[in-house]
Amino acid sequence: MQLTLEVNGMTCGHCEKAVKGALEELEGVHGVEVHLDSGKVDVSYDEAFATKAMMKEAVEAQGYDAVG
C-alpha cells in the first residue's frame, strides 16, 4: 500500500529525520519519503501491520501535526 500524509511543522533536515525515523520504526512500514517543500510524506506499508492512525500517532509523538 502507498499513503501520503500531510505533516505540518517540518522545516529542516532534523524534522525530516525525526518524522522518517518514527515512521520507519513501525512494523510493516517499508519505505518513507519526506518532501519538506510540500510538507508531504509518502509511506509504503503493509496494511496487515500498519494503519494510517498508527502513522499519524507516530508523527504526532515527534511534535508535528499530521493532517491527511
Protein backbone atom coordinates (compact mmCIF):
# COMPACT_ATOMS: atom_id res chain seq x y z
CA MET A 1 0.00 0.00 0.00
CA GLN A 2 1.03 3.59 -0.57
CA LEU A 3 -0.18 6.53 1.50
CA THR A 4 0.62 10.23 1.58
CA LEU A 5 0.40 12.09 4.88
CA GLU A 6 0.41 15.86 5.13
CA VAL A 7 2.63 16.92 8.03
CA ASN A 8 2.70 20.49 9.33
CA GLY A 9 5.71 21.88 11.19
CA MET A 10 8.57 20.23 9.29
CA THR A 11 11.14 22.86 8.36
CA CYS A 12 14.59 21.29 8.28
CA GLY A 13 16.67 18.14 7.93
CA HIS A 14 16.26 17.33 11.61
CA CYS A 15 12.47 17.43 11.21
CA GLU A 16 12.74 15.16 8.20
CA LYS A 17 14.88 12.63 10.13
CA ALA A 18 12.56 12.68 13.16
CA VAL A 19 9.43 12.02 11.08
CA LYS A 20 11.14 9.44 8.85
CA GLY A 21 12.65 7.62 11.84
CA ALA A 22 9.35 7.50 13.74
CA LEU A 23 7.52 6.04 10.75
CA GLU A 24 10.27 3.54 9.87
CA GLU A 25 10.08 2.12 13.41
CA LEU A 26 6.50 0.97 12.82
CA GLU A 27 6.14 -2.69 11.93
CA GLY A 28 5.00 -3.10 8.34
CA VAL A 29 6.41 0.20 7.04
CA HIS A 30 8.76 -0.49 4.11
CA GLY A 31 9.65 2.96 2.84
CA VAL A 32 9.30 6.60 3.83
CA GLU A 33 9.96 9.59 1.61
CA VAL A 34 9.73 13.05 3.17
CA HIS A 35 9.16 16.14 1.00
CA LEU A 36 9.99 19.20 3.12
CA ASP A 37 8.98 21.69 0.41
CA SER A 38 5.39 20.40 0.21
CA GLY A 39 5.08 19.06 3.76
CA LYS A 40 4.07 15.66 2.43
CA VAL A 41 5.32 12.24 3.47
CA ASP A 42 4.92 9.22 1.20
CA VAL A 43 4.75 5.93 3.08
CA SER A 44 4.90 2.41 1.63
CA TYR A 45 3.49 -0.12 4.06
CA ASP A 46 1.81 -3.46 4.62
CA GLU A 47 -1.77 -2.80 5.70
CA ALA A 48 -1.81 -6.06 7.68
CA PHE A 49 0.57 -4.44 10.20
CA ALA A 50 0.40 -0.64 9.96
CA THR A 51 -2.58 1.72 9.84
CA LYS A 52 -2.91 5.38 8.95
CA ALA A 53 -3.91 6.09 12.57
CA MET A 54 -0.70 4.48 13.84
CA MET A 55 1.36 6.58 11.42
CA LYS A 56 -0.35 9.81 12.46
CA GLU A 57 0.22 8.93 16.11
CA ALA A 58 3.94 8.26 15.47
CA VAL A 59 4.35 11.61 13.69
CA GLU A 60 2.41 13.50 16.37
CA ALA A 61 4.55 11.89 19.09
CA GLN A 62 7.51 13.67 17.47
CA GLY A 63 5.74 17.01 17.88
CA TYR A 64 4.38 17.50 14.35
CA ASP A 65 0.81 17.84 13.20
CA ALA A 66 -0.28 15.07 10.82
CA VAL A 67 -3.26 16.06 8.74
CA GLY A 68 -4.00 13.71 5.87
